[in-house]
Structures are given as C-alpha cells and as structure tokens.
Amino acid sequence: MRTDTASTFDAHDMRQLVGVNMTRSAAEQVYHLAGIGPEDLDVVELHDCFDHNELLTGEGLGPCREGGAEKFVNDGDNTYGGRYVTNPSGGLLSKGHPFGATGLAQCA
C-alpha cells in the first residue's frame, strides 16, 4: 500500500497527481519482495479507468520507461504478440467500470 505525499502536489505535474510515483513506489516494493522485476512479467492487469491511465500506470509499474508509453503502445508491446499482455480481462472499461466492483474483479 502506498499513499500520496506532499511531493505529489508540490511537483505541479499531472503525472504525479494521478499517482505515477505512488504506483512506481508500490511496484518497486512488490518486485523486491517477490525477487523479480517488471522484465519477469508476461501479463499486466492494471487500473485503466481512463485510456491515459493505462499509459501512466504502465510507466509506473515498469513495463515501459517513463515517457515511453506511446512508443510502447505503438510498437504493440502491450498486447498479444508483444512484450506484455495488458488487461486480457478487458480491463475496467470493458465492464462498464461500476465503482468498487471492477476493482474486486481485477483482484479476482
């Protein structure tokens, strides 16, 4: 679990405001505890409440470098045949994103 810090708001950066650094910090802790890194993943199920959130969360989780999400998607690295299969469940938006229910569906 992670939460926002003052730097989230002090940076005056939309990317930090929507949680890129918080996501990165949580991911680094999980990778460390699991003894793996983002390069060891095949499938990424992430919070895609809005299209741009998939891009920002992908950068925060580590499948692509910061600022590299556009290239990552254009190269097809976020889908079948690419480096990672992202949201094979269809993601939150495919379920109509009823608050709470979609988060539980991702966990399941």
PDB file of N, CA and C in Angstrom:
ATOM      1  N   MET A   1       0.847  -1.177   0.000  1.00  0.00           N
ATOM      2  CA  MET A   1       0.000   0.000   0.000  1.00  0.00           C
ATOM      3  C   MET A   1       0.885   1.231   0.000  1.00  0.00           C
ATOM      4  N   ARG A   2       0.479   2.196  -0.735  1.00  0.00           N
ATOM      5  CA  ARG A   2       1.160   3.480  -0.779  1.00  0.00           C
ATOM      6  C   ARG A   2       0.115   4.584  -0.727  1.00  0.00           C
ATOM      7  N   THR A   3       0.555   5.757  -0.382  1.00  0.00           N
ATOM      8  CA  THR A   3      -0.340   6.903  -0.366  1.00  0.00           C
ATOM      9  C   THR A   3       0.395   8.110  -0.937  1.00  0.00           C
ATOM     10  N   ASP A   4      -0.351   9.139  -1.217  1.00  0.00           N
ATOM     11  CA  ASP A   4       0.245  10.371  -1.722  1.00  0.00           C
ATOM     12  C   ASP A   4       1.097  11.026  -0.648  1.00  0.00           C
ATOM     13  N   THR A   5       2.104  11.731  -1.089  1.00  0.00           N
ATOM     14  CA  THR A   5       2.929  12.545  -0.196  1.00  0.00           C
ATOM     15  C   THR A   5       2.839  13.987  -0.679  1.00  0.00           C
ATOM     16  N   ALA A   6       3.435  14.887   0.055  1.00  0.00           N
ATOM     17  CA  ALA A   6       3.407  16.298  -0.339  1.00  0.00           C
ATOM     18  C   ALA A   6       3.997  16.497  -1.732  1.00  0.00           C
ATOM     19  N   SER A   7       4.980  15.675  -2.110  1.00  0.00           N
ATOM     20  CA  SER A   7       5.607  15.825  -3.424  1.00  0.00           C
ATOM     21  C   SER A   7       4.608  15.602  -4.555  1.00  0.00           C
ATOM     22  N   THR A   8       3.552  14.852  -4.287  1.00  0.00           N
ATOM     23  CA  THR A   8       2.522  14.624  -5.297  1.00  0.00           C
ATOM     24  C   THR A   8       1.936  15.942  -5.775  1.00  0.00           C
ATOM     25  N   PHE A   9       1.765  16.863  -4.855  1.00  0.00           N
ATOM     26  CA  PHE A   9       1.129  18.132  -5.174  1.00  0.00           C
ATOM     27  C   PHE A   9       2.150  19.245  -5.416  1.00  0.00           C
ATOM     28  N   ASP A  10       3.303  19.150  -4.770  1.00  0.00           N
ATOM     29  CA  ASP A  10       4.328  20.174  -4.903  1.00  0.00           C
ATOM     30  C   ASP A  10       4.959  20.194  -6.291  1.00  0.00           C
ATOM     31  N   ALA A  11       4.947  19.093  -6.971  1.00  0.00           N
ATOM     32  CA  ALA A  11       5.613  18.996  -8.273  1.00  0.00           C
ATOM     33  C   ALA A  11       4.855  19.717  -9.380  1.00  0.00           C
ATOM     34  N   HIS A  12       3.564  19.982  -9.170  1.00  0.00           N
ATOM     35  CA  HIS A  12       2.732  20.610 -10.199  1.00  0.00           C
ATOM     36  C   HIS A  12       2.823  19.835 -11.513  1.00  0.00           C
ATOM     37  N   ASP A  13       2.758  18.519 -11.391  1.00  0.00           N
ATOM     38  CA  ASP A  13       2.894  17.602 -12.519  1.00  0.00           C
ATOM     39  C   ASP A  13       1.691  16.668 -12.514  1.00  0.00           C
ATOM     40  N   MET A  14       0.892  16.692 -13.559  1.00  0.00           N
ATOM     41  CA  MET A  14      -0.311  15.873 -13.629  1.00  0.00           C
ATOM     42  C   MET A  14       0.003  14.394 -13.445  1.00  0.00           C
ATOM     43  N   ARG A  15       1.146  13.955 -13.960  1.00  0.00           N
ATOM     44  CA  ARG A  15       1.518  12.547 -13.849  1.00  0.00           C
ATOM     45  C   ARG A  15       1.660  12.133 -12.385  1.00  0.00           C
ATOM     46  N   GLN A  16       2.235  13.004 -11.579  1.00  0.00           N
ATOM     47  CA  GLN A  16       2.358  12.683 -10.164  1.00  0.00           C
ATOM     48  C   GLN A  16       1.010  12.792  -9.464  1.00  0.00           C
ATOM     49  N   LEU A  17       0.198  13.723  -9.898  1.00  0.00           N
ATOM     50  CA  LEU A  17      -1.111  13.904  -9.280  1.00  0.00           C
ATOM     51  C   LEU A  17      -1.994  12.673  -9.463  1.00  0.00           C
ATOM     52  N   VAL A  18      -1.877  11.988 -10.589  1.00  0.00           N
ATOM     53  CA  VAL A  18      -2.681  10.790 -10.808  1.00  0.00           C
ATOM     54  C   VAL A  18      -1.993   9.518 -10.320  1.00  0.00           C
ATOM     55  N   GLY A  19      -0.819   9.651  -9.718  1.00  0.00           N
ATOM     56  CA  GLY A  19      -0.246   8.523  -8.998  1.00  0.00           C
ATOM     57  C   GLY A  19       0.896   7.759  -9.615  1.00  0.00           C
ATOM     58  N   VAL A  20       1.589   8.298 -10.599  1.00  0.00           N
ATOM     59  CA  VAL A  20       2.691   7.558 -11.217  1.00  0.00           C
ATOM     60  C   VAL A  20       3.767   7.218 -10.191  1.00  0.00           C
ATOM     61  N   ASN A  21       4.185   8.189  -9.402  1.00  0.00           N
ATOM     62  CA  ASN A  21       5.231   7.908  -8.408  1.00  0.00           C
ATOM     63  C   ASN A  21       4.748   6.950  -7.330  1.00  0.00           C
ATOM     64  N   MET A  22       3.497   7.083  -6.927  1.00  0.00           N
ATOM     65  CA  MET A  22       2.929   6.183  -5.929  1.00  0.00           C
ATOM     66  C   MET A  22       2.883   4.757  -6.488  1.00  0.00           C
ATOM     67  N   THR A  23       2.489   4.617  -7.730  1.00  0.00           N
ATOM     68  CA  THR A  23       2.462   3.312  -8.388  1.00  0.00           C
ATOM     69  C   THR A  23       3.866   2.737  -8.476  1.00  0.00           C
ATOM     70  N   ARG A  24       4.819   3.571  -8.889  1.00  0.00           N
ATOM     71  CA  ARG A  24       6.206   3.117  -9.016  1.00  0.00           C
ATOM     72  C   ARG A  24       6.743   2.641  -7.672  1.00  0.00           C
ATOM     73  N   SER A  25       6.487   3.388  -6.623  1.00  0.00           N
ATOM     74  CA  SER A  25       6.965   3.029  -5.293  1.00  0.00           C
ATOM     75  C   SER A  25       6.375   1.696  -4.824  1.00  0.00           C
ATOM     76  N   ALA A  26       5.072   1.505  -5.023  1.00  0.00           N
ATOM     77  CA  ALA A  26       4.429   0.244  -4.636  1.00  0.00           C
ATOM     78  C   ALA A  26       4.978  -0.914  -5.461  1.00  0.00           C
ATOM     79  N   ALA A  27       5.143  -0.693  -6.772  1.00  0.00           N
ATOM     80  CA  ALA A  27       5.663  -1.752  -7.643  1.00  0.00           C
ATOM     81  C   ALA A  27       7.082  -2.147  -7.251  1.00  0.00           C
ATOM     82  N   GLU A  28       7.920  -1.166  -6.967  1.00  0.00           N
ATOM     83  CA  GLU A  28       9.299  -1.477  -6.567  1.00  0.00           C
ATOM     84  C   GLU A  28       9.327  -2.325  -5.307  1.00  0.00           C
ATOM     85  N   GLN A  29       8.451  -2.025  -4.357  1.00  0.00           N
ATOM     86  CA  GLN A  29       8.394  -2.811  -3.123  1.00  0.00           C
ATOM     87  C   GLN A  29       7.947  -4.246  -3.421  1.00  0.00           C
ATOM     88  N   VAL A  30       6.929  -4.397  -4.241  1.00  0.00           N
ATOM     89  CA  VAL A  30       6.430  -5.729  -4.579  1.00  0.00           C
ATOM     90  C   VAL A  30       7.480  -6.516  -5.350  1.00  0.00           C
ATOM     91  N   TYR A  31       8.119  -5.884  -6.321  1.00  0.00           N
ATOM     92  CA  TYR A  31       9.167  -6.572  -7.076  1.00  0.00           C
ATOM     93  C   TYR A  31      10.289  -7.029  -6.143  1.00  0.00           C
ATOM     94  N   HIS A  32      10.691  -6.172  -5.231  1.00  0.00           N
ATOM     95  CA  HIS A  32      11.756  -6.509  -4.285  1.00  0.00           C
ATOM     96  C   HIS A  32      11.350  -7.710  -3.427  1.00  0.00           C
ATOM     97  N   LEU A  33      10.152  -7.662  -2.873  1.00  0.00           N
ATOM     98  CA  LEU A  33       9.692  -8.749  -2.011  1.00  0.00           C
ATOM     99  C   LEU A  33       9.544 -10.068  -2.777  1.00  0.00           C
ATOM    100  N   ALA A  34       9.144  -9.982  -4.030  1.00  0.00           N
ATOM    101  CA  ALA A  34       8.952 -11.176  -4.847  1.00  0.00           C
ATOM    102  C   ALA A  34      10.247 -11.654  -5.492  1.00  0.00           C
ATOM    103  N   GLY A  35      11.283 -10.830  -5.458  1.00  0.00           N
ATOM    104  CA  GLY A  35      12.553 -11.201  -6.081  1.00  0.00           C
ATOM    105  C   GLY A  35      12.497 -11.210  -7.596  1.00  0.00           C
ATOM    106  N   ILE A  36      11.646 -10.354  -8.164  1.00  0.00           N
ATOM    107  CA  ILE A  36      11.523 -10.250  -9.622  1.00  0.00           C
ATOM    108  C   ILE A  36      11.553  -8.787 -10.020  1.00  0.00           C
ATOM    109  N   GLY A  37      11.481  -8.543 -11.304  1.00  0.00           N
ATOM    110  CA  GLY A  37      11.377  -7.194 -11.830  1.00  0.00           C
ATOM    111  C   GLY A  37      10.330  -7.176 -12.921  1.00  0.00           C
ATOM    112  N   PRO A  38      10.026  -6.005 -13.451  1.00  0.00           N
ATOM    113  CA  PRO A  38       9.000  -5.927 -14.493  1.00  0.00           C
ATOM    114  C   PRO A  38       9.343  -6.760 -15.726  1.00  0.00           C
ATOM    115  N   GLU A  39      10.608  -6.987 -15.961  1.00  0.00           N
ATOM    116  CA  GLU A  39      11.008  -7.805 -17.117  1.00  0.00           C
ATOM    117  C   GLU A  39      10.597  -9.267 -16.964  1.00  0.00           C
ATOM    118  N   ASP A  40      10.238  -9.681 -15.747  1.00  0.00           N
ATOM    119  CA  ASP A  40       9.813 -11.063 -15.494  1.00  0.00           C
ATOM    120  C   ASP A  40       8.319 -11.276 -15.698  1.00  0.00           C
ATOM    121  N   LEU A  41       7.579 -10.228 -15.981  1.00  0.00           N
ATOM    122  CA  LEU A  41       6.132 -10.334 -16.163  1.00  0.00           C
ATOM    123  C   LEU A  41       5.782 -10.707 -17.593  1.00  0.00           C
ATOM    124  N   ASP A  42       4.693 -11.436 -17.743  1.00  0.00           N
ATOM    125  CA  ASP A  42       4.136 -11.736 -19.060  1.00  0.00           C
ATOM    126  C   ASP A  42       2.795 -11.047 -19.260  1.00  0.00           C
ATOM    127  N   VAL A  43       2.046 -10.919 -18.156  1.00  0.00           N
ATOM    128  CA  VAL A  43       0.703 -10.352 -18.175  1.00  0.00           C
ATOM    129  C   VAL A  43       0.645  -9.227 -17.158  1.00  0.00           C
ATOM    130  N   VAL A  44       0.012  -8.134 -17.531  1.00  0.00           N
ATOM    131  CA  VAL A  44      -0.167  -6.999 -16.623  1.00  0.00           C
ATOM    132  C   VAL A  44      -1.651  -6.654 -16.603  1.00  0.00           C
ATOM    133  N   GLU A  45      -2.251  -6.756 -15.426  1.00  0.00           N
ATOM    134  CA  GLU A  45      -3.648  -6.348 -15.245  1.00  0.00           C
ATOM    135  C   GLU A  45      -3.591  -5.055 -14.458  1.00  0.00           C
ATOM    136  N   LEU A  46      -3.955  -3.954 -15.085  1.00  0.00           N
ATOM    137  CA  LEU A  46      -3.799  -2.660 -14.422  1.00  0.00           C
ATOM    138  C   LEU A  46      -5.078  -1.842 -14.455  1.00  0.00           C
ATOM    139  N   HIS A  47      -5.087  -0.808 -13.662  1.00  0.00           N
ATOM    140  CA  HIS A  47      -6.252   0.053 -13.493  1.00  0.00           C
ATOM    141  C   HIS A  47      -6.352   0.996 -14.683  1.00  0.00           C
ATOM    142  N   ASP A  48      -7.312   0.747 -15.541  1.00  0.00           N
ATOM    143  CA  ASP A  48      -7.457   1.539 -16.766  1.00  0.00           C
ATOM    144  C   ASP A  48      -8.798   2.273 -16.793  1.00  0.00           C
ATOM    145  N   CYS A  49      -9.071   3.010 -15.714  1.00  0.00           N
ATOM    146  CA  CYS A  49     -10.344   3.722 -15.621  1.00  0.00           C
ATOM    147  C   CYS A  49     -10.519   4.731 -16.751  1.00  0.00           C
ATOM    148  N   PHE A  50      -9.435   5.198 -17.311  1.00  0.00           N
ATOM    149  CA  PHE A  50      -9.429   6.078 -18.476  1.00  0.00           C
ATOM    150  C   PHE A  50      -8.278   5.611 -19.368  1.00  0.00           C
ATOM    151  N   ASP A  51      -8.381   5.859 -20.654  1.00  0.00           N
ATOM    152  CA  ASP A  51      -7.341   5.389 -21.575  1.00  0.00           C
ATOM    153  C   ASP A  51      -5.949   5.838 -21.153  1.00  0.00           C
ATOM    154  N   HIS A  52      -5.822   7.111 -20.783  1.00  0.00           N
ATOM    155  CA  HIS A  52      -4.491   7.614 -20.433  1.00  0.00           C
ATOM    156  C   HIS A  52      -3.957   6.959 -19.159  1.00  0.00           C
ATOM    157  N   ASN A  53      -4.847   6.431 -18.323  1.00  0.00           N
ATOM    158  CA  ASN A  53      -4.395   5.791 -17.094  1.00  0.00           C
ATOM    159  C   ASN A  53      -3.589   4.532 -17.384  1.00  0.00           C
ATOM    160  N   GLU A  54      -3.951   3.810 -18.448  1.00  0.00           N
ATOM    161  CA  GLU A  54      -3.163   2.633 -18.825  1.00  0.00           C
ATOM    162  C   GLU A  54      -1.741   3.044 -19.169  1.00  0.00           C
ATOM    163  N   LEU A  55      -1.588   4.152 -19.871  1.00  0.00           N
ATOM    164  CA  LEU A  55      -0.257   4.628 -20.246  1.00  0.00           C
ATOM    165  C   LEU A  55       0.551   5.009 -19.010  1.00  0.00           C
ATOM    166  N   LEU A  56      -0.058   5.799 -18.130  1.00  0.00           N
ATOM    167  CA  LEU A  56       0.653   6.271 -16.943  1.00  0.00           C
ATOM    168  C   LEU A  56       0.957   5.131 -15.976  1.00  0.00           C
ATOM    169  N   THR A  57       0.000   4.231 -15.788  1.00  0.00           N
ATOM    170  CA  THR A  57       0.221   3.115 -14.878  1.00  0.00           C
ATOM    171  C   THR A  57       1.268   2.166 -15.438  1.00  0.00           C
ATOM    172  N   GLY A  58       1.273   1.979 -16.748  1.00  0.00           N
ATOM    173  CA  GLY A  58       2.307   1.139 -17.365  1.00  0.00           C
ATOM    174  C   GLY A  58       3.695   1.673 -17.095  1.00  0.00           C
ATOM    175  N   GLU A  59       3.844   2.988 -17.146  1.00  0.00           N
ATOM    176  CA  GLU A  59       5.143   3.598 -16.836  1.00  0.00           C
ATOM    177  C   GLU A  59       5.462   3.435 -15.352  1.00  0.00           C
ATOM    178  N   GLY A  60       4.467   3.586 -14.501  1.00  0.00           N
ATOM    179  CA  GLY A  60       4.691   3.453 -13.065  1.00  0.00           C
ATOM    180  C   GLY A  60       5.047   2.041 -12.657  1.00  0.00           C
ATOM    181  N   LEU A  61       4.419   1.049 -13.300  1.00  0.00           N
ATOM    182  CA  LEU A  61       4.693  -0.353 -12.963  1.00  0.00           C
ATOM    183  C   LEU A  61       6.008  -0.856 -13.545  1.00  0.00           C
ATOM    184  N   GLY A  62       6.492  -0.190 -14.574  1.00  0.00           N
ATOM    185  CA  GLY A  62       7.803  -0.540 -15.107  1.00  0.00           C
ATOM    186  C   GLY A  62       7.867  -1.268 -16.425  1.00  0.00           C
ATOM    187  N   PRO A  63       6.755  -1.727 -17.030  1.00  0.00           N
ATOM    188  CA  PRO A  63       6.891  -2.361 -18.336  1.00  0.00           C
ATOM    189  C   PRO A  63       7.497  -1.455 -19.403  1.00  0.00           C
ATOM    190  N   CYS A  64       7.312  -0.149 -19.263  1.00  0.00           N
ATOM    191  CA  CYS A  64       7.964   0.767 -20.192  1.00  0.00           C
ATOM    192  C   CYS A  64       8.581   1.905 -19.383  1.00  0.00           C
ATOM    193  N   ARG A  65       9.581   2.505 -19.966  1.00  0.00           N
ATOM    194  CA  ARG A  65      10.283   3.580 -19.253  1.00  0.00           C
ATOM    195  C   ARG A  65       9.407   4.818 -19.182  1.00  0.00           C
ATOM    196  N   GLU A  66       9.725   5.704 -18.255  1.00  0.00           N
ATOM    197  CA  GLU A  66       8.975   6.945 -18.127  1.00  0.00           C
ATOM    198  C   GLU A  66       9.062   7.731 -19.428  1.00  0.00           C
ATOM    199  N   GLY A  67       7.917   8.157 -19.921  1.00  0.00           N
ATOM    200  CA  GLY A  67       7.855   8.877 -21.184  1.00  0.00           C
ATOM    201  C   GLY A  67       7.825   7.964 -22.396  1.00  0.00           C
ATOM    202  N   GLY A  68       7.860   6.655 -22.172  1.00  0.00           N
ATOM    203  CA  GLY A  68       7.927   5.712 -23.277  1.00  0.00           C
ATOM    204  C   GLY A  68       6.631   4.987 -23.581  1.00  0.00           C
ATOM    205  N   ALA A  69       5.527   5.386 -22.951  1.00  0.00           N
ATOM    206  CA  ALA A  69       4.264   4.669 -23.125  1.00  0.00           C
ATOM    207  C   ALA A  69       3.743   4.735 -24.557  1.00  0.00           C
ATOM    208  N   GLU A  70       3.880   5.883 -25.203  1.00  0.00           N
ATOM    209  CA  GLU A  70       3.379   5.998 -26.576  1.00  0.00           C
ATOM    210  C   GLU A  70       4.102   5.015 -27.495  1.00  0.00           C
ATOM    211  N   LYS A  71       5.414   4.969 -27.414  1.00  0.00           N
ATOM    212  CA  LYS A  71       6.193   4.029 -28.231  1.00  0.00           C
ATOM    213  C   LYS A  71       5.839   2.590 -27.876  1.00  0.00           C
ATOM    214  N   PHE A  72       5.686   2.327 -26.571  1.00  0.00           N
ATOM    215  CA  PHE A  72       5.333   1.003 -26.071  1.00  0.00           C
ATOM    216  C   PHE A  72       4.043   0.506 -26.730  1.00  0.00           C
ATOM    217  N   VAL A  73       3.032   1.364 -26.788  1.00  0.00           N
ATOM    218  CA  VAL A  73       1.754   1.005 -27.398  1.00  0.00           C
ATOM    219  C   VAL A  73       1.888   0.924 -28.915  1.00  0.00           C
ATOM    220  N   ASN A  74       2.539   1.906 -29.530  1.00  0.00           N
ATOM    221  CA  ASN A  74       2.690   1.905 -30.991  1.00  0.00           C
ATOM    222  C   ASN A  74       3.460   0.693 -31.492  1.00  0.00           C
ATOM    223  N   ASP A  75       4.402   0.202 -30.681  1.00  0.00           N
ATOM    224  CA  ASP A  75       5.176  -0.992 -31.048  1.00  0.00           C
ATOM    225  C   ASP A  75       4.416  -2.284 -30.774  1.00  0.00           C
ATOM    226  N   GLY A  76       3.223  -2.177 -30.156  1.00  0.00           N
ATOM    227  CA  GLY A  76       2.421  -3.365 -29.862  1.00  0.00           C
ATOM    228  C   GLY A  76       2.936  -4.170 -28.679  1.00  0.00           C
ATOM    229  N   ASP A  77       3.758  -3.555 -27.836  1.00  0.00           N
ATOM    230  CA  ASP A  77       4.318  -4.273 -26.697  1.00  0.00           C
ATOM    231  C   ASP A  77       3.343  -4.444 -25.539  1.00  0.00           C
ATOM    232  N   ASN A  78       2.124  -3.929 -25.683  1.00  0.00           N
ATOM    233  CA  ASN A  78       1.126  -4.021 -24.615  1.00  0.00           C
ATOM    234  C   ASN A  78       0.016  -5.011 -24.946  1.00  0.00           C
ATOM    235  N   THR A  79       0.235  -5.893 -25.913  1.00  0.00           N
ATOM    236  CA  THR A  79      -0.837  -6.789 -26.335  1.00  0.00           C
ATOM    237  C   THR A  79      -0.280  -8.146 -26.755  1.00  0.00           C
ATOM    238  N   TYR A  80      -1.141  -9.020 -27.165  1.00  0.00           N
ATOM    239  CA  TYR A  80      -0.737 -10.356 -27.601  1.00  0.00           C
ATOM    240  C   TYR A  80       0.295 -10.250 -28.720  1.00  0.00           C
ATOM    241  N   GLY A  81       1.357 -11.015 -28.607  1.00  0.00           N
ATOM    242  CA  GLY A  81       2.443 -10.961 -29.571  1.00  0.00           C
ATOM    243  C   GLY A  81       3.496  -9.928 -29.222  1.00  0.00           C
ATOM    244  N   GLY A  82       3.202  -9.053 -28.264  1.00  0.00           N
ATOM    245  CA  GLY A  82       4.145  -8.044 -27.807  1.00  0.00           C
ATOM    246  C   GLY A  82       4.849  -8.513 -26.545  1.00  0.00           C
ATOM    247  N   ARG A  83       5.463  -7.600 -25.855  1.00  0.00           N
ATOM    248  CA  ARG A  83       6.236  -7.929 -24.656  1.00  0.00           C
ATOM    249  C   ARG A  83       5.349  -8.334 -23.487  1.00  0.00           C
ATOM    250  N   TYR A  84       4.225  -7.649 -23.293  1.00  0.00           N
ATOM    251  CA  TYR A  84       3.300  -7.919 -22.194  1.00  0.00           C
ATOM    252  C   TYR A  84       1.874  -7.963 -22.732  1.00  0.00           C
ATOM    253  N   VAL A  85       1.075  -8.844 -22.207  1.00  0.00           N
ATOM    254  CA  VAL A  85      -0.361  -8.814 -22.494  1.00  0.00           C
ATOM    255  C   VAL A  85      -0.987  -7.974 -21.393  1.00  0.00           C
ATOM    256  N   THR A  86      -1.566  -6.852 -21.769  1.00  0.00           N
ATOM    257  CA  THR A  86      -2.132  -5.918 -20.804  1.00  0.00           C
ATOM    258  C   THR A  86      -3.652  -6.065 -20.769  1.00  0.00           C
ATOM    259  N   ASN A  87      -4.162  -6.276 -19.572  1.00  0.00           N
ATOM    260  CA  ASN A  87      -5.599  -6.395 -19.310  1.00  0.00           C
ATOM    261  C   ASN A  87      -6.299  -7.395 -20.226  1.00  0.00           C
ATOM    262  N   PRO A  88      -5.867  -8.666 -20.192  1.00  0.00           N
ATOM    263  CA  PRO A  88      -6.576  -9.655 -21.006  1.00  0.00           C
ATOM    264  C   PRO A  88      -8.029  -9.835 -20.580  1.00  0.00           C
ATOM    265  N   SER A  89      -8.375  -9.369 -19.382  1.00  0.00           N
ATOM    266  CA  SER A  89      -9.762  -9.421 -18.919  1.00  0.00           C
ATOM    267  C   SER A  89     -10.637  -8.411 -19.652  1.00  0.00           C
ATOM    268  N   GLY A  90     -10.013  -7.479 -20.345  1.00  0.00           N
ATOM    269  CA  GLY A  90     -10.738  -6.391 -20.984  1.00  0.00           C
ATOM    270  C   GLY A  90     -10.624  -5.099 -20.197  1.00  0.00           C
ATOM    271  N   GLY A  91     -10.089  -5.203 -18.973  1.00  0.00           N
ATOM    272  CA  GLY A  91      -9.905  -4.019 -18.150  1.00  0.00           C
ATOM    273  C   GLY A  91     -11.206  -3.512 -17.559  1.00  0.00           C
ATOM    274  N   LEU A  92     -11.093  -2.433 -16.818  1.00  0.00           N
ATOM    275  CA  LEU A  92     -12.249  -1.860 -16.129  1.00  0.00           C
ATOM    276  C   LEU A  92     -13.305  -1.359 -17.102  1.00  0.00           C
ATOM    277  N   LEU A  93     -12.853  -0.721 -18.165  1.00  0.00           N
ATOM    278  CA  LEU A  93     -13.800  -0.108 -19.088  1.00  0.00           C
ATOM    279  C   LEU A  93     -14.679  -1.139 -19.797  1.00  0.00           C
ATOM    280  N   SER A  94     -14.165  -2.348 -20.008  1.00  0.00           N
ATOM    281  CA  SER A  94     -14.971  -3.375 -20.674  1.00  0.00           C
ATOM    282  C   SER A  94     -16.121  -3.846 -19.793  1.00  0.00           C
ATOM    283  N   LYS A  95     -16.033  -3.551 -18.509  1.00  0.00           N
ATOM    284  CA  LYS A  95     -17.072  -3.958 -17.565  1.00  0.00           C
ATOM    285  C   LYS A  95     -18.017  -2.803 -17.235  1.00  0.00           C
ATOM    286  N   GLY A  96     -17.842  -1.667 -17.895  1.00  0.00           N
ATOM    287  CA  GLY A  96     -18.658  -0.505 -17.617  1.00  0.00           C
ATOM    288  C   GLY A  96     -18.159   0.285 -16.422  1.00  0.00           C
ATOM    289  N   HIS A  97     -17.129  -0.174 -15.786  1.00  0.00           N
ATOM    290  CA  HIS A  97     -16.469   0.441 -14.637  1.00  0.00           C
ATOM    291  C   HIS A  97     -17.431   0.848 -13.521  1.00  0.00           C
ATOM    292  N   PRO A  98     -18.245  -0.112 -13.004  1.00  0.00           N
ATOM    293  CA  PRO A  98     -19.026   0.209 -11.807  1.00  0.00           C
ATOM    294  C   PRO A  98     -18.074   0.271 -10.623  1.00  0.00           C
ATOM    295  N   PHE A  99     -17.978   1.397  -9.968  1.00  0.00           N
ATOM    296  CA  PHE A  99     -17.003   1.625  -8.903  1.00  0.00           C
ATOM    297  C   PHE A  99     -17.062   0.518  -7.860  1.00  0.00           C
ATOM    298  N   GLY A 100     -15.909   0.065  -7.455  1.00  0.00           N
ATOM    299  CA  GLY A 100     -15.793  -0.993  -6.444  1.00  0.00           C
ATOM    300  C   GLY A 100     -15.821  -2.364  -7.089  1.00  0.00           C
ATOM    301  N   ALA A 101     -16.834  -2.644  -7.870  1.00  0.00           N
ATOM    302  CA  ALA A 101     -16.963  -3.971  -8.481  1.00  0.00           C
ATOM    303  C   ALA A 101     -15.823  -4.263  -9.429  1.00  0.00           C
ATOM    304  N   THR A 102     -15.382  -3.271 -10.196  1.00  0.00           N
ATOM    305  CA  THR A 102     -14.301  -3.524 -11.149  1.00  0.00           C
ATOM    306  C   THR A 102     -12.974  -3.771 -10.424  1.00  0.00           C
ATOM    307  N   GLY A 103     -12.737  -3.067  -9.330  1.00  0.00           N
ATOM    308  CA  GLY A 103     -11.517  -3.309  -8.558  1.00  0.00           C
ATOM    309  C   GLY A 103     -11.495  -4.717  -7.994  1.00  0.00           C
ATOM    310  N   LEU A 104     -12.638  -5.183  -7.498  1.00  0.00           N
ATOM    311  CA  LEU A 104     -12.728  -6.555  -6.988  1.00  0.00           C
ATOM    312  C   LEU A 104     -12.539  -7.563  -8.113  1.00  0.00           C
ATOM    313  N   ALA A 105     -13.068  -7.254  -9.288  1.00  0.00           N
ATOM    314  CA  ALA A 105     -12.903  -8.152 -10.427  1.00  0.00           C
ATOM    315  C   ALA A 105     -11.429  -8.271 -10.808  1.00  0.00           C
ATOM    316  N   GLN A 106     -10.679  -7.166 -10.740  1.00  0.00           N
ATOM    317  CA  GLN A 106      -9.259  -7.225 -11.060  1.00  0.00           C
ATOM    318  C   GLN A 106      -8.519  -8.104 -10.058  1.00  0.00           C
ATOM    319  N   CYS A 107      -8.865  -7.990  -8.803  1.00  0.00           N
ATOM    320  CA  CYS A 107      -8.216  -8.811  -7.771  1.00  0.00           C
ATOM    321  C   CYS A 107      -8.496 -10.294  -7.986  1.00  0.00           C
ATOM    322  N   ALA A 108      -9.719 -10.596  -8.379  1.00  0.00           N
ATOM    323  CA  ALA A 108     -10.103 -11.999  -8.606  1.00  0.00           C
ATOM    324  C   ALA A 108      -9.447 -12.515  -9.862  1.00  0.00           C
TER     325      ALA A 108
END
